[in-house]
Amino acid sequence: MATFDPARPHDGSTIEADELRDQFNSLKGLVDAVPAGPPGADGSPGTNGADGRGIAEVYDSGDGRAMVRMSDGTLYGPFIVASGPAGPQGERGADSTTPGPEGATGPEGRHVTNVRDNGDGRAIVDMSDGSSFGPFWVASGPQGDRGSDGGQGPAGNDGRSIVNVRDSGDGRAIVDMSDGGSYGPFSVAGGPAGPPGNEGAQGQQGPPGEVTSQQLSDAILGTSTSTNAVQLLGLTVSDPPTQSELQAVANKMDELINAMRR
């Protein structure tokens, strides 16, 4: 055990935990070594001594060092408070069986809201926070092997389909849906003009005719089935999206475009 030194710690010195601990332990050892004698007679009251000086406050000087304010207003410091060596790792406590309180709801995550063509065949990815990434070149990979046919799924709800396409009376088309809704009128635009053909022979004068609503309906009715073979993408996009996810979107767009061509 270290020997008690009344001169330590020195004024203005750094407070060391080990030094103070040795001083306290040494002083306690001296006190404990004094044998207890029989109680003496009560002495006469002594005169009041002068007020002692003690530590009134220990506070941070603002730069991580300690200041000591004495009861008479005197300040000592600042002192660098040195840390002692790390103690051994304690044993792991028992797991609690009571769940803690539910944490606060975190901010909404960022996700992909749209993938669009920027006009030159490259893709732009729009995010839910208004930011965009791209444009990216969408490369096509090799054709994969045909997968095995899936089992018969459960019957779905009745779909919504076109039941009629009719003339609005001004040369535009109105589309009637199976749920009673209608869309239109739409102007029916033609494709790009082809090169002029050779002049044919003069034909006989025929009776004047017109395209009826039923003829127009019959011509358009079967067009919606051209994309039935294109399966849903069923893709959950990461944040930010990966190259493979964007590639899957591009492949599905190519498949849809090919199915819609006539």
C-alpha atoms as a PDB file:
ATOM      1  CA  MET A   1       0.000   0.000   0.000  1.00  0.00           C
ATOM      2  CA  ALA A   2       1.273   3.513  -0.822  1.00  0.00           C
ATOM      3  CA  THR A   3       2.359   5.831   1.997  1.00  0.00           C
ATOM      4  CA  PHE A   4       0.184   8.869   2.773  1.00  0.00           C
ATOM      5  CA  ASP A   5       1.811  12.106   1.566  1.00  0.00           C
ATOM      6  CA  PRO A   6       0.129  15.261   2.950  1.00  0.00           C
ATOM      7  CA  ALA A   7       1.791  17.390   0.271  1.00  0.00           C
ATOM      8  CA  ARG A   8      -0.074  15.649  -2.551  1.00  0.00           C
ATOM      9  CA  PRO A   9      -1.731  16.572  -4.812  1.00  0.00           C
ATOM     10  CA  HIS A  10       0.383  19.652  -5.525  1.00  0.00           C
ATOM     11  CA  ASP A  11      -1.309  22.939  -6.337  1.00  0.00           C
ATOM     12  CA  GLY A  12      -1.856  23.360 -10.082  1.00  0.00           C
ATOM     13  CA  SER A  13      -1.148  19.702 -10.804  1.00  0.00           C
ATOM     14  CA  THR A  14      -3.330  17.428 -12.930  1.00  0.00           C
ATOM     15  CA  ILE A  15      -5.870  15.464 -10.904  1.00  0.00           C
ATOM     16  CA  GLU A  16      -4.989  11.803 -11.253  1.00  0.00           C
ATOM     17  CA  ALA A  17      -7.558   9.256 -10.103  1.00  0.00           C
ATOM     18  CA  ASP A  18      -4.864   6.755  -9.105  1.00  0.00           C
ATOM     19  CA  GLU A  19      -3.021   9.342  -6.990  1.00  0.00           C
ATOM     20  CA  LEU A  20      -6.149  10.440  -5.090  1.00  0.00           C
ATOM     21  CA  ARG A  21      -7.206   6.828  -4.564  1.00  0.00           C
ATOM     22  CA  ASP A  22      -3.771   5.983  -3.066  1.00  0.00           C
ATOM     23  CA  GLN A  23      -3.950   9.029  -0.749  1.00  0.00           C
ATOM     24  CA  PHE A  24      -7.431   8.108   0.485  1.00  0.00           C
ATOM     25  CA  ASN A  25      -6.536   4.447   0.991  1.00  0.00           C
ATOM     26  CA  SER A  26      -3.310   5.388   2.859  1.00  0.00           C
ATOM     27  CA  LEU A  27      -5.155   7.811   5.124  1.00  0.00           C
ATOM     28  CA  LYS A  28      -7.845   5.227   5.853  1.00  0.00           C
ATOM     29  CA  GLY A  29      -5.145   2.703   6.701  1.00  0.00           C
ATOM     30  CA  LEU A  30      -3.612   5.133   9.241  1.00  0.00           C
ATOM     31  CA  VAL A  31      -6.988   5.769  10.816  1.00  0.00           C
ATOM     32  CA  ASP A  32      -7.842   2.093  10.965  1.00  0.00           C
ATOM     33  CA  ALA A  33      -4.475   1.333  12.657  1.00  0.00           C
ATOM     34  CA  VAL A  34      -5.189   3.605  15.657  1.00  0.00           C
ATOM     35  CA  PRO A  35      -6.491   1.370  18.484  1.00  0.00           C
ATOM     36  CA  ALA A  36      -9.705   2.448  20.118  1.00  0.00           C
ATOM     37  CA  GLY A  37      -9.206   3.451  23.772  1.00  0.00           C
ATOM     38  CA  PRO A  38     -11.755   3.687  26.523  1.00  0.00           C
ATOM     39  CA  PRO A  39     -14.087   6.658  26.360  1.00  0.00           C
ATOM     40  CA  GLY A  40     -12.632   9.704  28.049  1.00  0.00           C
ATOM     41  CA  ALA A  41     -14.448  12.258  30.094  1.00  0.00           C
ATOM     42  CA  ASP A  42     -16.256  14.941  28.240  1.00  0.00           C
ATOM     43  CA  GLY A  43     -14.055  17.973  27.843  1.00  0.00           C
ATOM     44  CA  SER A  44     -15.190  21.530  28.159  1.00  0.00           C
ATOM     45  CA  PRO A  45     -16.518  23.095  24.998  1.00  0.00           C
ATOM     46  CA  GLY A  46     -13.823  24.691  22.943  1.00  0.00           C
ATOM     47  CA  THR A  47     -14.015  28.014  21.192  1.00  0.00           C
ATOM     48  CA  ASN A  48     -15.441  28.096  17.698  1.00  0.00           C
ATOM     49  CA  GLY A  49     -12.733  27.637  15.130  1.00  0.00           C
ATOM     50  CA  ALA A  50     -12.414  29.587  11.902  1.00  0.00           C
ATOM     51  CA  ASP A  51     -14.594  28.446   9.026  1.00  0.00           C
ATOM     52  CA  GLY A  52     -12.828  25.757   7.082  1.00  0.00           C
ATOM     53  CA  ARG A  53     -12.271  25.953   3.335  1.00  0.00           C
ATOM     54  CA  GLY A  54     -13.784  23.183   1.221  1.00  0.00           C
ATOM     55  CA  ILE A  55     -14.597  22.415  -2.396  1.00  0.00           C
ATOM     56  CA  ALA A  56     -17.847  24.112  -3.368  1.00  0.00           C
ATOM     57  CA  GLU A  57     -18.016  23.147  -7.040  1.00  0.00           C
ATOM     58  CA  VAL A  58     -16.153  21.289  -9.772  1.00  0.00           C
ATOM     59  CA  TYR A  59     -17.158  22.338 -13.296  1.00  0.00           C
ATOM     60  CA  ASP A  60     -16.019  22.103 -16.929  1.00  0.00           C
ATOM     61  CA  SER A  61     -13.879  25.025 -18.072  1.00  0.00           C
ATOM     62  CA  GLY A  62     -15.391  24.692 -21.571  1.00  0.00           C
ATOM     63  CA  ASP A  63     -12.462  22.881 -23.187  1.00  0.00           C
ATOM     64  CA  GLY A  64     -12.816  19.505 -21.433  1.00  0.00           C
ATOM     65  CA  ARG A  65     -10.699  20.473 -18.404  1.00  0.00           C
ATOM     66  CA  ALA A  66     -11.918  20.810 -14.788  1.00  0.00           C
ATOM     67  CA  MET A  67     -12.129  23.957 -12.620  1.00  0.00           C
ATOM     68  CA  VAL A  68     -12.396  23.704  -8.806  1.00  0.00           C
ATOM     69  CA  ARG A  69     -14.205  26.479  -6.929  1.00  0.00           C
ATOM     70  CA  MET A  70     -13.461  26.625  -3.169  1.00  0.00           C
ATOM     71  CA  SER A  71     -15.916  27.705  -0.489  1.00  0.00           C
ATOM     72  CA  ASP A  72     -14.001  31.003  -0.054  1.00  0.00           C
ATOM     73  CA  GLY A  73     -14.368  31.788  -3.780  1.00  0.00           C
ATOM     74  CA  THR A  74     -10.843  30.787  -4.773  1.00  0.00           C
ATOM     75  CA  LEU A  75     -10.530  29.003  -8.134  1.00  0.00           C
ATOM     76  CA  TYR A  76      -8.023  26.285  -9.021  1.00  0.00           C
ATOM     77  CA  GLY A  77      -7.384  24.913 -12.462  1.00  0.00           C
ATOM     78  CA  PRO A  78      -8.035  24.206 -15.154  1.00  0.00           C
ATOM     79  CA  PHE A  79      -6.956  20.572 -14.626  1.00  0.00           C
ATOM     80  CA  ILE A  80      -6.764  17.838 -17.226  1.00  0.00           C
ATOM     81  CA  VAL A  81      -8.832  14.958 -15.891  1.00  0.00           C
ATOM     82  CA  ALA A  82      -6.952  11.795 -16.815  1.00  0.00           C
ATOM     83  CA  SER A  83      -8.898   8.591 -17.240  1.00  0.00           C
ATOM     84  CA  GLY A  84      -7.773   5.445 -15.475  1.00  0.00           C
ATOM     85  CA  PRO A  85      -7.236   2.157 -17.281  1.00  0.00           C
ATOM     86  CA  ALA A  86     -10.300   0.403 -18.653  1.00  0.00           C
ATOM     87  CA  GLY A  87     -11.824  -2.190 -16.349  1.00  0.00           C
ATOM     88  CA  PRO A  88     -12.547  -5.781 -17.381  1.00  0.00           C
ATOM     89  CA  GLN A  89     -15.576  -6.567 -19.521  1.00  0.00           C
ATOM     90  CA  GLY A  90     -18.623  -7.183 -17.342  1.00  0.00           C
ATOM     91  CA  GLU A  91     -20.877 -10.186 -17.726  1.00  0.00           C
ATOM     92  CA  ARG A  92     -23.811  -9.963 -20.124  1.00  0.00           C
ATOM     93  CA  GLY A  93     -27.033  -9.097 -18.338  1.00  0.00           C
ATOM     94  CA  ALA A  94     -30.161 -11.180 -18.651  1.00  0.00           C
ATOM     95  CA  ASP A  95     -32.400 -10.397 -21.599  1.00  0.00           C
ATOM     96  CA  SER A  96     -35.503  -8.443 -20.691  1.00  0.00           C
ATOM     97  CA  THR A  97     -38.856 -10.153 -21.206  1.00  0.00           C
ATOM     98  CA  THR A  98     -40.668  -6.831 -21.420  1.00  0.00           C
ATOM     99  CA  PRO A  99     -40.564  -5.209 -24.859  1.00  0.00           C
ATOM    100  CA  GLY A 100     -39.396  -1.639 -24.978  1.00  0.00           C
ATOM    101  CA  PRO A 101     -41.595   1.242 -26.116  1.00  0.00           C
ATOM    102  CA  GLU A 102     -42.365   1.499 -29.796  1.00  0.00           C
ATOM    103  CA  GLY A 103     -40.037   3.859 -31.601  1.00  0.00           C
ATOM    104  CA  ALA A 104     -41.172   6.908 -33.490  1.00  0.00           C
ATOM    105  CA  THR A 105     -42.197   6.502 -37.112  1.00  0.00           C
ATOM    106  CA  GLY A 106     -39.230   7.146 -39.374  1.00  0.00           C
ATOM    107  CA  PRO A 107     -39.306   9.442 -42.387  1.00  0.00           C
ATOM    108  CA  GLU A 108     -40.863   8.130 -45.587  1.00  0.00           C
ATOM    109  CA  GLY A 109     -38.349   6.285 -47.742  1.00  0.00           C
ATOM    110  CA  ARG A 110     -37.427   7.308 -51.266  1.00  0.00           C
ATOM    111  CA  HIS A 111     -38.682   5.085 -54.074  1.00  0.00           C
ATOM    112  CA  VAL A 112     -39.031   4.978 -57.868  1.00  0.00           C
ATOM    113  CA  THR A 113     -42.227   6.614 -59.174  1.00  0.00           C
ATOM    114  CA  ASN A 114     -41.618   6.478 -62.934  1.00  0.00           C
ATOM    115  CA  VAL A 115     -39.199   5.226 -65.583  1.00  0.00           C
ATOM    116  CA  ARG A 116     -39.464   7.219 -68.824  1.00  0.00           C
ATOM    117  CA  ASP A 117     -37.771   7.636 -72.192  1.00  0.00           C
ATOM    118  CA  ASN A 118     -35.828  10.890 -72.510  1.00  0.00           C
ATOM    119  CA  GLY A 119     -36.406  10.933 -76.272  1.00  0.00           C
ATOM    120  CA  ASP A 120     -33.208   9.293 -77.541  1.00  0.00           C
ATOM    121  CA  GLY A 121     -33.806   5.718 -76.398  1.00  0.00           C
ATOM    122  CA  ARG A 122     -32.238   6.160 -72.959  1.00  0.00           C
ATOM    123  CA  ALA A 123     -34.135   5.819 -69.654  1.00  0.00           C
ATOM    124  CA  ILE A 124     -34.657   8.436 -66.902  1.00  0.00           C
ATOM    125  CA  VAL A 125     -35.693   7.249 -63.413  1.00  0.00           C
ATOM    126  CA  ASP A 126     -37.914   9.641 -61.405  1.00  0.00           C
ATOM    127  CA  MET A 127     -37.858   9.317 -57.593  1.00  0.00           C
ATOM    128  CA  SER A 128     -40.601  10.094 -55.037  1.00  0.00           C
ATOM    129  CA  ASP A 129     -38.637  13.063 -53.635  1.00  0.00           C
ATOM    130  CA  GLY A 130     -38.643  14.810 -57.028  1.00  0.00           C
ATOM    131  CA  SER A 131     -35.087  13.902 -57.990  1.00  0.00           C
ATOM    132  CA  SER A 132     -34.213  12.058 -61.199  1.00  0.00           C
ATOM    133  CA  PHE A 133     -31.358   9.812 -62.326  1.00  0.00           C
ATOM    134  CA  GLY A 134     -30.118   9.271 -65.842  1.00  0.00           C
ATOM    135  CA  PRO A 135     -30.335   9.127 -68.686  1.00  0.00           C
ATOM    136  CA  PHE A 136     -29.113   5.495 -68.800  1.00  0.00           C
ATOM    137  CA  TRP A 137     -28.462   3.335 -71.842  1.00  0.00           C
ATOM    138  CA  VAL A 138     -30.729   0.317 -71.526  1.00  0.00           C
ATOM    139  CA  ALA A 139     -28.815  -2.686 -72.851  1.00  0.00           C
ATOM    140  CA  SER A 140     -30.633  -5.829 -73.921  1.00  0.00           C
ATOM    141  CA  GLY A 141     -29.329  -9.135 -72.593  1.00  0.00           C
ATOM    142  CA  PRO A 142     -29.448 -12.519 -74.339  1.00  0.00           C
ATOM    143  CA  GLN A 143     -32.786 -14.291 -74.677  1.00  0.00           C
ATOM    144  CA  GLY A 144     -33.362 -16.527 -71.657  1.00  0.00           C
ATOM    145  CA  ASP A 145     -34.758 -20.060 -71.686  1.00  0.00           C
ATOM    146  CA  ARG A 146     -38.514 -20.444 -71.678  1.00  0.00           C
ATOM    147  CA  GLY A 147     -39.802 -21.052 -68.176  1.00  0.00           C
ATOM    148  CA  SER A 148     -42.174 -23.849 -67.278  1.00  0.00           C
ATOM    149  CA  ASP A 149     -45.875 -23.134 -67.379  1.00  0.00           C
ATOM    150  CA  GLY A 150     -47.357 -22.103 -64.049  1.00  0.00           C
ATOM    151  CA  GLY A 151     -50.387 -23.761 -62.499  1.00  0.00           C
ATOM    152  CA  GLN A 152     -53.902 -22.543 -63.040  1.00  0.00           C
ATOM    153  CA  GLY A 153     -54.491 -19.486 -60.880  1.00  0.00           C
ATOM    154  CA  PRO A 154     -57.746 -18.644 -59.120  1.00  0.00           C
ATOM    155  CA  ALA A 155     -60.461 -16.936 -61.106  1.00  0.00           C
ATOM    156  CA  GLY A 156     -59.962 -13.174 -61.122  1.00  0.00           C
ATOM    157  CA  ASN A 157     -62.526 -10.446 -60.834  1.00  0.00           C
ATOM    158  CA  ASP A 158     -64.445  -9.450 -63.932  1.00  0.00           C
ATOM    159  CA  GLY A 159     -62.222  -7.291 -66.074  1.00  0.00           C
ATOM    160  CA  ARG A 160     -63.118  -3.955 -67.639  1.00  0.00           C
ATOM    161  CA  SER A 161     -63.197  -4.102 -71.403  1.00  0.00           C
ATOM    162  CA  ILE A 162     -64.320  -2.210 -74.492  1.00  0.00           C
ATOM    163  CA  VAL A 163     -67.864  -3.138 -75.562  1.00  0.00           C
ATOM    164  CA  ASN A 164     -68.370  -0.649 -78.379  1.00  0.00           C
ATOM    165  CA  VAL A 165     -66.587   1.989 -80.427  1.00  0.00           C
ATOM    166  CA  ARG A 166     -68.978   4.465 -82.065  1.00  0.00           C
ATOM    167  CA  ASP A 167     -68.897   7.622 -84.112  1.00  0.00           C
ATOM    168  CA  SER A 168     -69.558  10.792 -82.122  1.00  0.00           C
ATOM    169  CA  GLY A 169     -71.207  12.336 -85.190  1.00  0.00           C
ATOM    170  CA  ASP A 170     -68.299  14.529 -86.202  1.00  0.00           C
ATOM    171  CA  GLY A 171     -65.882  11.866 -87.423  1.00  0.00           C
ATOM    172  CA  ARG A 172     -64.369  11.174 -84.018  1.00  0.00           C
ATOM    173  CA  ALA A 173     -64.633   7.931 -82.011  1.00  0.00           C
ATOM    174  CA  ILE A 174     -66.250   7.295 -78.609  1.00  0.00           C
ATOM    175  CA  VAL A 175     -65.212   4.151 -76.682  1.00  0.00           C
ATOM    176  CA  ASP A 176     -67.868   2.514 -74.449  1.00  0.00           C
ATOM    177  CA  MET A 177     -66.630   0.347 -71.558  1.00  0.00           C
ATOM    178  CA  SER A 178     -68.221  -2.745 -69.969  1.00  0.00           C
ATOM    179  CA  ASP A 179     -68.802  -0.883 -66.678  1.00  0.00           C
ATOM    180  CA  GLY A 180     -70.906   1.791 -68.407  1.00  0.00           C
ATOM    181  CA  GLY A 181     -68.156   4.408 -68.660  1.00  0.00           C
ATOM    182  CA  SER A 182     -67.178   6.085 -71.912  1.00  0.00           C
ATOM    183  CA  TYR A 183     -64.075   7.778 -73.223  1.00  0.00           C
ATOM    184  CA  GLY A 184     -63.765  10.253 -76.022  1.00  0.00           C
ATOM    185  CA  PRO A 185     -64.379  11.559 -78.475  1.00  0.00           C
ATOM    186  CA  PHE A 186     -60.992  10.761 -80.002  1.00  0.00           C
ATOM    187  CA  SER A 187     -59.634  11.858 -83.344  1.00  0.00           C
ATOM    188  CA  VAL A 188     -58.571   8.736 -85.245  1.00  0.00           C
ATOM    189  CA  ALA A 189     -55.135   9.541 -86.636  1.00  0.00           C
ATOM    190  CA  GLY A 190     -53.714   7.680 -89.589  1.00  0.00           C
ATOM    191  CA  GLY A 191     -50.192   6.350 -89.901  1.00  0.00           C
ATOM    192  CA  PRO A 192     -47.451   7.999 -91.965  1.00  0.00           C
ATOM    193  CA  ALA A 193     -48.163   8.290 -95.682  1.00  0.00           C
ATOM    194  CA  GLY A 194     -46.570   5.641 -97.870  1.00  0.00           C
ATOM    195  CA  PRO A 195     -44.950   6.251-101.267  1.00  0.00           C
ATOM    196  CA  PRO A 196     -47.402   6.863-104.161  1.00  0.00           C
ATOM    197  CA  GLY A 197     -48.362   3.723-106.061  1.00  0.00           C
ATOM    198  CA  ASN A 198     -48.774   3.202-109.782  1.00  0.00           C
ATOM    199  CA  GLU A 199     -51.932   4.580-111.294  1.00  0.00           C
ATOM    200  CA  GLY A 200     -54.501   1.851-111.697  1.00  0.00           C
ATOM    201  CA  ALA A 201     -57.058   1.317-114.413  1.00  0.00           C
ATOM    202  CA  GLN A 202     -60.283   3.251-114.340  1.00  0.00           C
ATOM    203  CA  GLY A 203     -62.837   1.298-112.342  1.00  0.00           C
ATOM    204  CA  GLN A 204     -66.597   1.291-112.611  1.00  0.00           C
ATOM    205  CA  GLN A 205     -68.560   3.889-110.778  1.00  0.00           C
ATOM    206  CA  GLY A 206     -69.698   2.343-107.463  1.00  0.00           C
ATOM    207  CA  PRO A 207     -72.467   3.369-105.140  1.00  0.00           C
ATOM    208  CA  PRO A 208     -71.546   5.838-102.429  1.00  0.00           C
ATOM    209  CA  GLY A 209     -70.757   4.088 -99.090  1.00  0.00           C
ATOM    210  CA  GLU A 210     -69.598   4.824 -95.556  1.00  0.00           C
ATOM    211  CA  VAL A 211     -67.947   3.019 -92.654  1.00  0.00           C
ATOM    212  CA  THR A 212     -70.567   2.082 -90.113  1.00  0.00           C
ATOM    213  CA  SER A 213     -70.103   2.105 -86.341  1.00  0.00           C
ATOM    214  CA  GLN A 214     -70.320  -1.692 -86.272  1.00  0.00           C
ATOM    215  CA  GLN A 215     -67.574  -2.037 -88.884  1.00  0.00           C
ATOM    216  CA  LEU A 216     -65.335   0.316 -86.908  1.00  0.00           C
ATOM    217  CA  SER A 217     -66.155  -1.562 -83.694  1.00  0.00           C
ATOM    218  CA  ASP A 218     -65.358  -4.940 -85.272  1.00  0.00           C
ATOM    219  CA  ALA A 219     -62.028  -3.616 -86.542  1.00  0.00           C
ATOM    220  CA  ILE A 220     -60.936  -2.246 -83.137  1.00  0.00           C
ATOM    221  CA  LEU A 221     -62.501  -4.810 -80.781  1.00  0.00           C
ATOM    222  CA  GLY A 222     -59.784  -7.434 -81.163  1.00  0.00           C
ATOM    223  CA  THR A 223     -56.832  -5.058 -80.782  1.00  0.00           C
ATOM    224  CA  SER A 224     -56.793  -5.141 -76.960  1.00  0.00           C
ATOM    225  CA  THR A 225     -55.892  -8.852 -76.951  1.00  0.00           C
ATOM    226  CA  SER A 226     -52.595  -8.286 -78.743  1.00  0.00           C
ATOM    227  CA  THR A 227     -50.821  -7.714 -75.410  1.00  0.00           C
ATOM    228  CA  ASN A 228     -52.444 -10.550 -73.447  1.00  0.00           C
ATOM    229  CA  ALA A 229     -49.293 -12.670 -73.731  1.00  0.00           C
ATOM    230  CA  VAL A 230     -47.181  -9.996 -72.009  1.00  0.00           C
ATOM    231  CA  GLN A 231     -46.960 -10.934 -68.315  1.00  0.00           C
ATOM    232  CA  LEU A 232     -46.897  -8.407 -65.469  1.00  0.00           C
ATOM    233  CA  LEU A 233     -43.421  -7.320 -64.377  1.00  0.00           C
ATOM    234  CA  GLY A 234     -44.021  -7.855 -60.616  1.00  0.00           C
ATOM    235  CA  LEU A 235     -40.827  -6.011 -59.694  1.00  0.00           C
ATOM    236  CA  THR A 236     -40.020  -4.352 -56.344  1.00  0.00           C
ATOM    237  CA  VAL A 237     -37.488  -1.610 -57.120  1.00  0.00           C
ATOM    238  CA  SER A 238     -34.587  -0.926 -54.743  1.00  0.00           C
ATOM    239  CA  ASP A 239     -33.595   2.569 -53.577  1.00  0.00           C
ATOM    240  CA  PRO A 240     -31.556   3.511 -55.513  1.00  0.00           C
ATOM    241  CA  PRO A 241     -32.497   1.147 -58.393  1.00  0.00           C
ATOM    242  CA  THR A 242     -29.903  -1.344 -59.576  1.00  0.00           C
ATOM    243  CA  GLN A 243     -28.751  -1.936 -63.124  1.00  0.00           C
ATOM    244  CA  SER A 244     -30.494  -5.331 -63.207  1.00  0.00           C
ATOM    245  CA  GLU A 245     -33.828  -3.787 -62.131  1.00  0.00           C
ATOM    246  CA  LEU A 246     -33.627  -1.111 -64.825  1.00  0.00           C
ATOM    247  CA  GLN A 247     -32.683  -3.818 -67.330  1.00  0.00           C
ATOM    248  CA  ALA A 248     -35.801  -5.795 -66.347  1.00  0.00           C
ATOM    249  CA  VAL A 249     -37.967  -2.695 -66.954  1.00  0.00           C
ATOM    250  CA  ALA A 250     -36.343  -2.114 -70.363  1.00  0.00           C
ATOM    251  CA  ASN A 251     -36.832  -5.757 -71.397  1.00  0.00           C
ATOM    252  CA  LYS A 252     -40.500  -5.598 -70.436  1.00  0.00           C
ATOM    253  CA  MET A 253     -40.943  -2.369 -72.459  1.00  0.00           C
ATOM    254  CA  ASP A 254     -39.368  -4.037 -75.525  1.00  0.00           C
ATOM    255  CA  GLU A 255     -41.677  -7.042 -75.080  1.00  0.00           C
ATOM    256  CA  LEU A 256     -44.750  -4.780 -74.854  1.00  0.00           C
ATOM    257  CA  ILE A 257     -43.748  -2.748 -77.938  1.00  0.00           C
ATOM    258  CA  ASN A 258     -43.205  -5.906 -80.004  1.00  0.00           C
ATOM    259  CA  ALA A 259     -46.614  -7.260 -78.935  1.00  0.00           C
ATOM    260  CA  MET A 260     -48.385  -4.023 -79.951  1.00  0.00           C
ATOM    261  CA  ARG A 261     -46.889  -3.913 -83.445  1.00  0.00           C
ATOM    262  CA  ARG A 262     -49.062  -5.101 -86.309  1.00  0.00           C
END
